[in-house]
Amino acid sequence: MIEPITRYYRTVKDVTGPLIFVTGLRKASFGEMCTIRLADQEERLGQILKLEGELAIIEVLEGTSGIDSETTTVVPKGDIARVGVSREMLGRVFDGVGKPRDGLPPVIPDRYIDINGLPMNPASREKPDYFIQTGISAIDGLNTLVRGQKLPIFSCAGLPANELALQVVRQARISEKEERFCVILGAMGITSREAFFFMESLAESVAQERTIAFINLAGEPTTERLFTPRIALTVAEYLAFEHDYQVMVLLTDMTAYCEALREIAGARDEIPGRRSYPGYMYTDLATLYERAGRVRDRAGSVTIMPILTMPEDDITHPVPDLTGYITEGQIVLSRTLHNKGIYPPIDVLPSLSRLMNLGIGRGRTREDHRKIADQLYASYARGCEVRRIVSIVGMEGLTELDRKYLFFADEFERRFVGQGEKERAIGETLELGLALLKILPETELVRLR
């Protein structure tokens, strides 16, 4: 048997940020993985991002520090980026490229899969349905999450988005107890303190055995952040469509991911788009979010909850703006509610789940779920309107009915939204909603029987 000839090149022309430029590269392919061997024999992973004749632009995952143009050797591996997958990954914590971070030995993979996945055939998609209970009333009751949906959380700097993500990891479950359910967490660009918080919380959680975490730290190479969500979603697809798991994927923070995209695009001297983000950012985000869904004749599903921080609290910023175009609604966190000491600070008025009606009702949650949600939303909106009136004319200008709406809005925020870290079943959420509506006269409850 003739062994394949290993091609290696010591022709590094330039190093810019996380990229190296290599000349004379022959028979290479776009997306091909490379081994970058330094003078001290340290090896790092790289990926070919661009080919211009025999010039290749290679992205180095572990960073380019220590790389020089004279002694560094580039060895193309002849394969694309793949990750080893196995059910033994459940209960484990990995870094951004899939290496163990929990001190345990590497997982023996069942197979290796391309991290970019394959586009899901629209004709084979099943509509997202079936209720996923997060234990959080503002989500379950008013912005219900269903299997196969992509529902992002829009946060502001300093708000407890990561705490909310962990609460969802601990509490999320499906109604059919006999079905397999697991949560995959992909964290990008988080601090060491946040990583310690995630790992400690997962270790103490009863949900650890059904959780897989991929954590990329802020001090680690930026390019790893481009791999982390793809690896998390590849493992999710494997568990969902080959082992019939109902998989929920939480990705935090997608703003850090987009910042990494912008940094790489700048290093490649690409023409910038809005606020210097690359023009293809919409397409890139879509390749991630559209991996959510259900497939006909398969029992499993992939549900995605991306979490992103809105720079300067601006919901029209390119990252939340483009995310909103792709996904099916959004959960918006409010700085005003956070300053009131309300947790989780979910602002239900701008929040929306476009697929809510597919996951609620008889046989899924409760027959009167939609009517209770509509009445709560309408009554709270009226209470917020009365607050604005108070800021103009004062309490003296309010009618008795206005005062009841104002009291309802305060109680709704304090008791319904501000549930703390307590978990609520969907039945408790709906009963609490009905109890709060009793604050108002029956003549105002026009959406209920």
Protein backbone atom coordinates (compact mmCIF):
# COMPACT_ATOMS: atom_id res chain seq x y z
CA MET A 1 0.00 0.00 0.00
CA ILE A 2 1.43 3.38 -1.04
CA GLU A 3 1.32 6.02 1.70
CA PRO A 4 0.00 9.44 0.61
CA ILE A 5 2.63 12.13 0.17
CA THR A 6 2.43 14.77 2.91
CA ARG A 7 2.60 18.30 1.51
CA TYR A 8 4.20 20.89 3.73
CA TYR A 9 5.12 24.51 3.09
CA ARG A 10 7.54 26.86 4.81
CA THR A 11 6.36 29.84 2.76
CA VAL A 12 4.57 32.08 5.26
CA LYS A 13 4.60 35.52 3.64
CA ASP A 14 2.82 37.64 6.26
CA VAL A 15 0.98 37.49 9.59
CA THR A 16 -1.97 39.82 10.22
CA GLY A 17 -4.12 39.46 13.32
CA PRO A 18 -5.44 35.87 13.41
CA LEU A 19 -4.47 35.27 9.74
CA ILE A 20 -1.34 34.04 8.01
CA PHE A 21 -0.66 34.40 4.28
CA VAL A 22 1.04 31.42 2.65
CA THR A 23 2.38 31.34 -0.92
CA GLY A 24 2.97 28.42 -3.25
CA LEU A 25 0.09 26.39 -1.84
CA ARG A 26 -0.97 23.85 -4.46
CA LYS A 27 -4.01 21.57 -4.68
CA ALA A 28 -5.54 23.22 -1.63
CA SER A 29 -9.27 23.71 -1.13
CA PHE A 30 -11.41 26.42 0.41
CA GLY A 31 -12.29 25.46 4.00
CA GLU A 32 -9.51 22.85 4.18
CA MET A 33 -7.94 22.40 7.62
CA CYS A 34 -4.18 22.81 8.10
CA THR A 35 -1.65 22.02 10.79
CA ILE A 36 0.53 25.02 11.69
CA ARG A 37 3.83 23.73 13.11
CA LEU A 38 6.01 26.28 14.95
CA ALA A 39 9.77 26.18 15.44
CA ASP A 40 9.39 24.55 18.89
CA GLN A 41 7.19 21.83 17.29
CA GLU A 42 4.03 23.26 18.82
CA GLU A 43 1.08 22.50 16.54
CA ARG A 44 -1.99 24.65 15.98
CA LEU A 45 -5.07 24.24 13.82
CA GLY A 46 -5.81 26.49 10.87
CA GLN A 47 -8.44 26.77 8.17
CA ILE A 48 -8.10 28.11 4.63
CA LEU A 49 -10.43 31.10 4.29
CA LYS A 50 -9.45 32.34 0.85
CA LEU A 51 -7.45 31.21 -2.17
CA GLU A 52 -5.98 33.57 -4.76
CA GLY A 53 -3.98 31.45 -7.17
CA GLU A 54 -1.22 29.91 -5.04
CA LEU A 55 -1.72 32.42 -2.21
CA ALA A 56 -3.78 31.11 0.69
CA ILE A 57 -5.20 33.08 3.61
CA ILE A 58 -5.29 30.79 6.64
CA GLU A 59 -7.14 31.48 9.88
CA VAL A 60 -5.23 30.15 12.90
CA LEU A 61 -7.61 28.97 15.62
CA GLU A 62 -5.21 29.16 18.57
CA GLY A 63 -3.89 32.60 17.57
CA THR A 64 -0.79 33.71 15.68
CA SER A 65 1.51 34.68 18.58
CA GLY A 66 4.94 33.10 18.12
CA ILE A 67 4.49 32.47 14.40
CA ASP A 68 7.33 33.72 12.22
CA SER A 69 7.74 33.55 8.46
CA GLU A 70 11.04 31.64 8.42
CA THR A 71 10.51 28.62 10.66
CA THR A 72 6.74 28.03 10.64
CA THR A 73 5.55 25.07 8.58
CA VAL A 74 2.05 24.70 7.12
CA VAL A 75 0.73 21.18 6.45
CA PRO A 76 -2.66 20.91 4.65
CA LYS A 77 -4.68 18.04 6.13
CA GLY A 78 -6.77 17.35 3.05
CA ASP A 79 -10.05 17.55 4.98
CA ILE A 80 -12.59 20.11 6.15
CA ALA A 81 -13.39 21.02 9.78
CA ARG A 82 -15.06 18.12 11.54
CA VAL A 83 -16.00 17.35 15.13
CA GLY A 84 -16.18 13.97 16.81
CA VAL A 85 -19.67 13.29 18.15
CA SER A 86 -21.00 10.81 20.66
CA ARG A 87 -23.78 10.46 23.20
CA GLU A 88 -21.02 10.26 25.81
CA MET A 89 -20.66 14.05 25.43
CA LEU A 90 -23.74 14.53 27.63
CA GLY A 91 -22.75 15.95 31.01
CA ARG A 92 -19.40 17.25 29.74
CA VAL A 93 -17.84 20.73 29.36
CA PHE A 94 -15.64 21.52 26.32
CA ASP A 95 -13.77 24.52 25.00
CA GLY A 96 -14.77 26.44 21.88
CA VAL A 97 -13.31 23.86 19.47
CA GLY A 98 -14.51 20.74 21.27
CA LYS A 99 -11.56 19.89 23.54
CA PRO A 100 -12.41 18.86 27.14
CA ARG A 101 -12.41 21.73 29.65
CA ASP A 102 -13.64 19.74 32.66
CA GLY A 103 -10.41 17.83 33.33
CA LEU A 104 -11.84 14.53 32.09
CA PRO A 105 -10.36 12.50 29.20
CA PRO A 106 -11.48 13.14 25.61
CA VAL A 107 -14.67 11.49 24.42
CA ILE A 108 -14.26 8.55 22.02
CA PRO A 109 -16.37 9.69 19.04
CA ASP A 110 -18.82 7.48 17.19
CA ARG A 111 -18.06 9.42 14.01
CA TYR A 112 -16.73 12.74 12.70
CA ILE A 113 -19.15 15.24 11.14
CA ASP A 114 -18.63 18.42 9.13
CA ILE A 115 -19.29 21.33 11.50
CA ASN A 116 -21.02 23.36 8.76
CA GLY A 117 -23.86 20.85 8.54
CA LEU A 118 -26.09 20.36 5.55
CA PRO A 119 -28.96 22.65 4.51
CA MET A 120 -32.30 21.25 5.64
CA ASN A 121 -34.53 20.50 2.66
CA PRO A 122 -37.55 22.85 2.97
CA ALA A 123 -39.80 20.13 1.56
CA SER A 124 -38.80 17.76 4.38
CA ARG A 125 -39.33 20.28 7.21
CA GLU A 126 -42.12 19.75 9.68
CA LYS A 127 -43.74 22.84 11.17
CA PRO A 128 -42.43 23.64 14.67
CA ASP A 129 -44.96 22.69 17.31
CA TYR A 130 -45.26 21.07 20.73
CA PHE A 131 -44.71 23.10 23.87
CA ILE A 132 -41.33 23.40 25.62
CA GLN A 133 -41.70 24.45 29.25
CA THR A 134 -38.94 26.75 30.47
CA GLY A 135 -40.46 27.31 33.91
CA ILE A 136 -40.44 31.09 33.30
CA SER A 137 -43.94 32.60 33.26
CA ALA A 138 -43.18 35.52 30.94
CA ILE A 139 -41.98 33.02 28.32
CA ASP A 140 -44.29 30.05 28.87
CA GLY A 141 -47.43 32.11 29.35
CA LEU A 142 -47.04 34.97 26.87
CA ASN A 143 -44.20 34.09 24.45
CA THR A 144 -44.30 30.32 24.32
CA LEU A 145 -41.33 28.40 22.97
CA VAL A 146 -42.07 25.40 20.73
CA ARG A 147 -39.92 22.58 19.40
CA GLY A 148 -37.96 23.46 16.30
CA GLN A 149 -38.30 27.23 16.84
CA LYS A 150 -35.54 29.84 16.87
CA LEU A 151 -36.39 32.41 19.54
CA PRO A 152 -33.63 34.88 20.53
CA ILE A 153 -33.21 36.80 23.78
CA PHE A 154 -32.30 40.48 23.28
CA SER A 155 -30.38 41.79 26.30
CA CYS A 156 -28.64 45.03 27.29
CA ALA A 157 -25.17 45.34 28.80
CA GLY A 158 -25.21 44.51 32.49
CA LEU A 159 -28.53 42.64 32.46
CA PRO A 160 -28.67 39.05 33.76
CA ALA A 161 -28.90 37.34 30.37
CA ASN A 162 -26.44 34.59 31.34
CA GLU A 163 -28.32 33.93 34.58
CA LEU A 164 -31.52 33.62 32.57
CA ALA A 165 -29.80 31.22 30.14
CA LEU A 166 -28.69 29.00 33.02
CA GLN A 167 -32.16 29.08 34.52
CA VAL A 168 -33.54 27.85 31.19
CA VAL A 169 -30.87 25.11 31.13
CA ARG A 170 -31.89 23.95 34.60
CA GLN A 171 -35.64 24.12 34.15
CA ALA A 172 -36.40 23.43 30.48
CA ARG A 173 -38.36 20.28 29.80
CA ILE A 174 -40.91 18.87 27.40
CA SER A 175 -44.34 17.73 28.39
CA GLU A 176 -43.86 14.14 27.28
CA LYS A 177 -41.64 12.87 30.09
CA GLU A 178 -40.72 9.66 28.25
CA GLU A 179 -39.00 11.49 25.39
CA ARG A 180 -35.28 12.27 25.38
CA PHE A 181 -34.47 15.91 26.08
CA CYS A 182 -31.12 17.68 26.36
CA VAL A 183 -29.66 21.19 26.36
CA ILE A 184 -26.49 22.33 24.57
CA LEU A 185 -24.85 25.58 25.67
CA GLY A 186 -22.50 27.45 23.34
CA ALA A 187 -20.83 30.38 25.13
CA MET A 188 -18.63 32.76 23.10
CA GLY A 189 -16.29 35.46 24.35
CA ILE A 190 -17.26 35.19 28.02
CA THR A 191 -14.94 36.17 30.88
CA SER A 192 -13.20 33.70 33.18
CA ARG A 193 -15.59 34.71 35.96
CA GLU A 194 -18.59 33.98 33.75
CA ALA A 195 -17.07 30.66 32.67
CA PHE A 196 -16.54 29.70 36.33
CA PHE A 197 -20.15 30.70 37.02
CA PHE A 198 -21.40 28.52 34.16
CA MET A 199 -19.30 25.49 35.10
CA GLU A 200 -20.10 25.69 38.82
CA SER A 201 -23.80 26.17 38.15
CA LEU A 202 -23.88 23.22 35.75
CA ALA A 203 -21.95 21.02 38.18
CA GLU A 204 -24.46 21.77 40.94
CA SER A 205 -27.49 21.38 38.69
CA VAL A 206 -29.58 18.25 38.52
CA ALA A 207 -29.77 18.90 34.78
CA GLN A 208 -26.03 18.38 34.26
CA GLU A 209 -26.46 14.85 32.91
CA ARG A 210 -28.57 16.16 30.02
CA THR A 211 -26.37 19.19 29.27
CA ILE A 212 -23.36 19.72 26.98
CA ALA A 213 -21.41 22.99 27.27
CA PHE A 214 -18.96 24.52 24.78
CA ILE A 215 -17.23 27.55 26.36
CA ASN A 216 -14.95 30.01 24.54
CA LEU A 217 -13.25 32.57 26.81
CA ALA A 218 -12.73 36.23 25.99
CA GLY A 219 -8.95 35.79 26.34
CA GLU A 220 -8.86 32.93 23.85
CA PRO A 221 -8.38 33.45 20.10
CA THR A 222 -11.21 35.31 18.44
CA THR A 223 -11.43 32.80 15.61
CA GLU A 224 -12.60 30.08 18.00
CA ARG A 225 -15.85 31.99 18.37
CA LEU A 226 -16.68 31.25 14.74
CA PHE A 227 -16.35 27.52 15.42
CA THR A 228 -18.19 27.31 18.76
CA PRO A 229 -21.82 27.72 17.56
CA ARG A 230 -21.21 25.46 14.56
CA ILE A 231 -19.79 22.70 16.73
CA ALA A 232 -22.67 23.05 19.21
CA LEU A 233 -25.24 22.84 16.41
CA THR A 234 -23.49 19.87 14.77
CA VAL A 235 -23.69 17.91 18.03
CA ALA A 236 -27.33 19.01 18.36
CA GLU A 237 -28.20 17.73 14.88
CA TYR A 238 -26.47 14.42 15.60
CA LEU A 239 -28.42 13.86 18.81
CA ALA A 240 -31.71 15.06 17.32
CA PHE A 241 -31.77 13.35 13.95
CA GLU A 242 -29.78 10.20 14.70
CA HIS A 243 -30.78 9.51 18.32
CA ASP A 244 -34.22 11.18 18.46
CA TYR A 245 -33.40 13.75 21.15
CA GLN A 246 -35.37 16.94 21.62
CA VAL A 247 -32.43 19.36 21.73
CA MET A 248 -32.45 22.97 22.91
CA VAL A 249 -29.37 25.01 21.94
CA LEU A 250 -28.54 28.23 23.80
CA LEU A 251 -25.94 30.45 22.11
CA THR A 252 -24.50 33.36 24.11
CA ASP A 253 -23.37 35.96 23.19
CA MET A 254 -24.09 36.27 19.45
CA THR A 255 -22.82 39.86 19.54
CA ALA A 256 -19.36 38.47 20.43
CA TYR A 257 -19.69 36.11 17.46
CA CYS A 258 -20.52 39.00 15.12
CA GLU A 259 -17.61 41.03 16.50
CA ALA A 260 -15.34 38.11 15.61
CA LEU A 261 -16.80 38.12 12.09
CA ARG A 262 -16.03 41.84 11.82
CA GLU A 263 -12.47 41.37 13.06
CA ILE A 264 -11.75 38.59 10.56
CA ALA A 265 -13.31 40.58 7.72
CA GLY A 266 -11.14 43.58 8.62
CA ALA A 267 -8.00 41.43 8.63
CA ARG A 268 -8.93 40.19 5.16
CA ASP A 269 -9.39 43.79 3.91
CA GLU A 270 -13.00 43.14 2.92
CA ILE A 271 -15.35 45.98 2.03
CA PRO A 272 -17.34 46.75 5.21
CA GLY A 273 -21.11 47.05 5.46
CA ARG A 274 -23.27 48.62 8.17
CA ARG A 275 -21.15 49.79 11.14
CA SER A 276 -18.14 47.99 9.62
CA TYR A 277 -19.75 44.54 9.87
CA PRO A 278 -19.24 42.38 6.77
CA GLY A 279 -21.95 42.52 4.16
CA TYR A 280 -22.48 38.76 4.37
CA MET A 281 -23.29 38.80 8.11
CA TYR A 282 -26.99 38.21 7.43
CA THR A 283 -26.17 35.10 5.38
CA ASP A 284 -23.70 33.89 7.99
CA LEU A 285 -26.23 34.22 10.82
CA ALA A 286 -28.86 32.49 8.70
CA THR A 287 -26.55 29.48 8.23
CA LEU A 288 -26.63 29.10 12.02
CA TYR A 289 -30.24 29.92 12.89
CA GLU A 290 -31.77 27.95 10.02
CA ARG A 291 -30.29 24.75 11.42
CA ALA A 292 -33.21 24.75 13.87
CA GLY A 293 -36.24 22.71 12.99
CA ARG A 294 -37.90 19.33 12.72
CA VAL A 295 -37.56 16.84 9.89
CA ARG A 296 -40.35 14.68 8.52
CA ASP A 297 -40.21 11.06 9.70
CA ARG A 298 -37.67 11.94 12.43
CA ALA A 299 -38.71 12.11 16.08
CA GLY A 300 -36.02 14.57 17.19
CA SER A 301 -35.87 18.36 16.91
CA VAL A 302 -33.40 21.25 17.28
CA THR A 303 -34.62 24.41 19.02
CA ILE A 304 -32.34 27.46 19.18
CA MET A 305 -32.37 30.31 21.72
CA PRO A 306 -29.60 32.77 20.73
CA ILE A 307 -28.77 35.41 23.34
CA LEU A 308 -27.29 38.71 22.21
CA THR A 309 -26.35 42.01 23.82
CA MET A 310 -27.69 45.10 22.07
CA PRO A 311 -24.85 47.65 21.91
CA GLU A 312 -25.96 50.94 23.51
CA ASP A 313 -29.36 49.27 24.18
CA ASP A 314 -30.16 49.84 20.48
CA ILE A 315 -32.58 47.26 19.09
CA THR A 316 -31.96 48.65 15.58
CA HIS A 317 -28.25 47.75 15.78
CA PRO A 318 -27.24 45.38 12.92
CA VAL A 319 -26.86 42.32 15.16
CA PRO A 320 -30.37 42.32 16.74
CA ASP A 321 -31.85 43.80 13.57
CA LEU A 322 -30.62 41.00 11.29
CA THR A 323 -31.35 38.38 13.94
CA GLY A 324 -34.95 39.58 14.13
CA TYR A 325 -35.36 39.15 10.36
CA ILE A 326 -34.25 35.50 10.52
CA THR A 327 -35.80 34.26 13.75
CA GLU A 328 -39.42 33.76 14.79
CA GLY A 329 -39.86 36.45 17.41
CA GLN A 330 -37.75 37.70 20.31
CA ILE A 331 -37.62 37.92 24.12
CA VAL A 332 -36.55 41.44 25.16
CA LEU A 333 -34.95 42.18 28.53
CA SER A 334 -35.68 45.59 30.06
CA ARG A 335 -33.22 47.80 31.92
CA THR A 336 -36.16 49.60 33.57
CA LEU A 337 -37.49 46.37 35.09
CA HIS A 338 -33.97 45.37 36.13
CA ASN A 339 -33.54 48.68 37.96
CA LYS A 340 -36.78 47.93 39.83
CA GLY A 341 -35.24 44.69 41.12
CA ILE A 342 -37.47 42.48 38.97
CA TYR A 343 -35.98 39.16 37.80
CA PRO A 344 -36.13 37.99 35.10
CA PRO A 345 -36.53 41.51 33.63
CA ILE A 346 -38.51 40.41 30.57
CA ASP A 347 -40.46 43.20 28.87
CA VAL A 348 -43.49 41.38 27.52
CA LEU A 349 -44.76 44.22 25.29
CA PRO A 350 -41.97 44.21 22.66
CA SER A 351 -41.46 40.46 23.10
CA LEU A 352 -43.07 38.08 20.64
CA SER A 353 -43.24 34.40 19.73
CA ARG A 354 -44.61 34.07 16.21
CA LEU A 355 -45.10 30.31 16.57
CA MET A 356 -46.82 30.43 19.95
CA ASN A 357 -50.20 29.33 18.61
CA LEU A 358 -48.67 26.10 17.24
CA GLY A 359 -47.52 24.99 20.69
CA ILE A 360 -50.43 25.88 22.96
CA GLY A 361 -54.06 24.92 23.39
CA ARG A 362 -55.88 21.69 24.06
CA GLY A 363 -53.57 18.67 24.32
CA ARG A 364 -50.47 20.83 24.63
CA THR A 365 -50.90 23.39 27.43
CA ARG A 366 -54.49 24.38 28.18
CA GLU A 367 -57.51 25.22 26.08
CA ASP A 368 -57.83 28.76 27.50
CA HIS A 369 -54.10 29.59 27.21
CA ARG A 370 -54.47 31.92 24.22
CA LYS A 371 -57.33 33.90 25.76
CA ILE A 372 -55.55 34.33 29.10
CA ALA A 373 -52.37 35.47 27.33
CA ASP A 374 -54.29 37.99 25.19
CA GLN A 375 -56.10 39.42 28.20
CA LEU A 376 -52.91 39.72 30.26
CA TYR A 377 -51.10 41.43 27.40
CA ALA A 378 -53.94 43.88 26.71
CA SER A 379 -54.43 44.72 30.39
CA TYR A 380 -50.73 45.26 31.01
CA ALA A 381 -50.46 47.48 27.92
CA ARG A 382 -53.36 49.57 29.27
CA GLY A 383 -51.65 49.79 32.68
CA CYS A 384 -48.41 51.04 31.05
CA GLU A 385 -50.42 53.65 29.17
CA VAL A 386 -51.91 54.86 32.47
CA ARG A 387 -48.37 55.21 33.85
CA ARG A 388 -47.53 57.60 31.06
CA ILE A 389 -50.66 59.60 31.85
CA VAL A 390 -49.62 59.81 35.51
CA SER A 391 -46.28 61.32 34.49
CA ILE A 392 -48.24 64.14 32.80
CA VAL A 393 -51.31 64.83 34.96
CA GLY A 394 -50.45 63.08 38.24
CA MET A 395 -52.53 60.57 40.24
CA GLU A 396 -55.28 63.15 40.80
CA GLY A 397 -56.28 63.00 37.14
CA LEU A 398 -56.99 59.25 37.16
CA THR A 399 -60.38 57.57 37.25
CA GLU A 400 -61.08 54.66 39.57
CA LEU A 401 -60.71 52.27 36.62
CA ASP A 402 -57.37 53.82 35.69
CA ARG A 403 -56.14 53.25 39.24
CA LYS A 404 -57.06 49.57 39.01
CA TYR A 405 -55.14 49.22 35.74
CA LEU A 406 -52.15 50.94 37.30
CA PHE A 407 -52.29 48.57 40.28
CA PHE A 408 -52.63 45.60 37.92
CA ALA A 409 -49.51 46.64 35.96
CA ASP A 410 -47.48 46.89 39.17
CA GLU A 411 -48.69 43.52 40.45
CA PHE A 412 -48.17 41.90 37.04
CA GLU A 413 -44.52 42.98 37.01
CA ARG A 414 -43.94 42.08 40.64
CA ARG A 415 -45.70 38.70 40.79
CA PHE A 416 -46.01 37.36 37.23
CA VAL A 417 -42.82 38.60 35.55
CA GLY A 418 -40.68 38.92 38.69
CA GLN A 419 -40.82 35.31 39.77
CA GLY A 420 -37.13 35.17 40.73
CA GLU A 421 -35.38 31.83 40.30
CA LYS A 422 -38.50 29.89 41.23
CA GLU A 423 -39.71 27.42 38.62
CA ARG A 424 -43.37 27.49 37.60
CA ALA A 425 -45.29 24.84 35.70
CA ILE A 426 -47.52 26.10 32.92
CA GLY A 427 -50.61 25.40 35.02
CA GLU A 428 -49.30 27.61 37.84
CA THR A 429 -48.48 30.37 35.35
CA LEU A 430 -51.99 30.42 33.87
CA GLU A 431 -53.69 30.26 37.27
CA LEU A 432 -51.56 33.16 38.51
CA GLY A 433 -52.55 35.13 35.41
CA LEU A 434 -56.23 34.53 36.14
CA ALA A 435 -55.75 35.55 39.77
CA LEU A 436 -54.14 38.84 38.73
CA LEU A 437 -56.93 39.57 36.26
CA LYS A 438 -59.42 39.52 39.16
CA ILE A 439 -57.97 42.92 40.12
CA LEU A 440 -59.94 44.35 37.18
CA PRO A 441 -63.74 44.53 36.81
CA GLU A 442 -65.30 41.62 34.92
CA THR A 443 -66.61 44.05 32.30
CA GLU A 444 -62.98 44.77 31.30
CA LEU A 445 -62.12 41.11 30.70
CA VAL A 446 -63.58 41.04 27.21
CA ARG A 447 -61.12 38.38 25.94
CA LEU A 448 -62.25 35.83 28.54
CA ARG A 449 -65.52 34.06 28.93
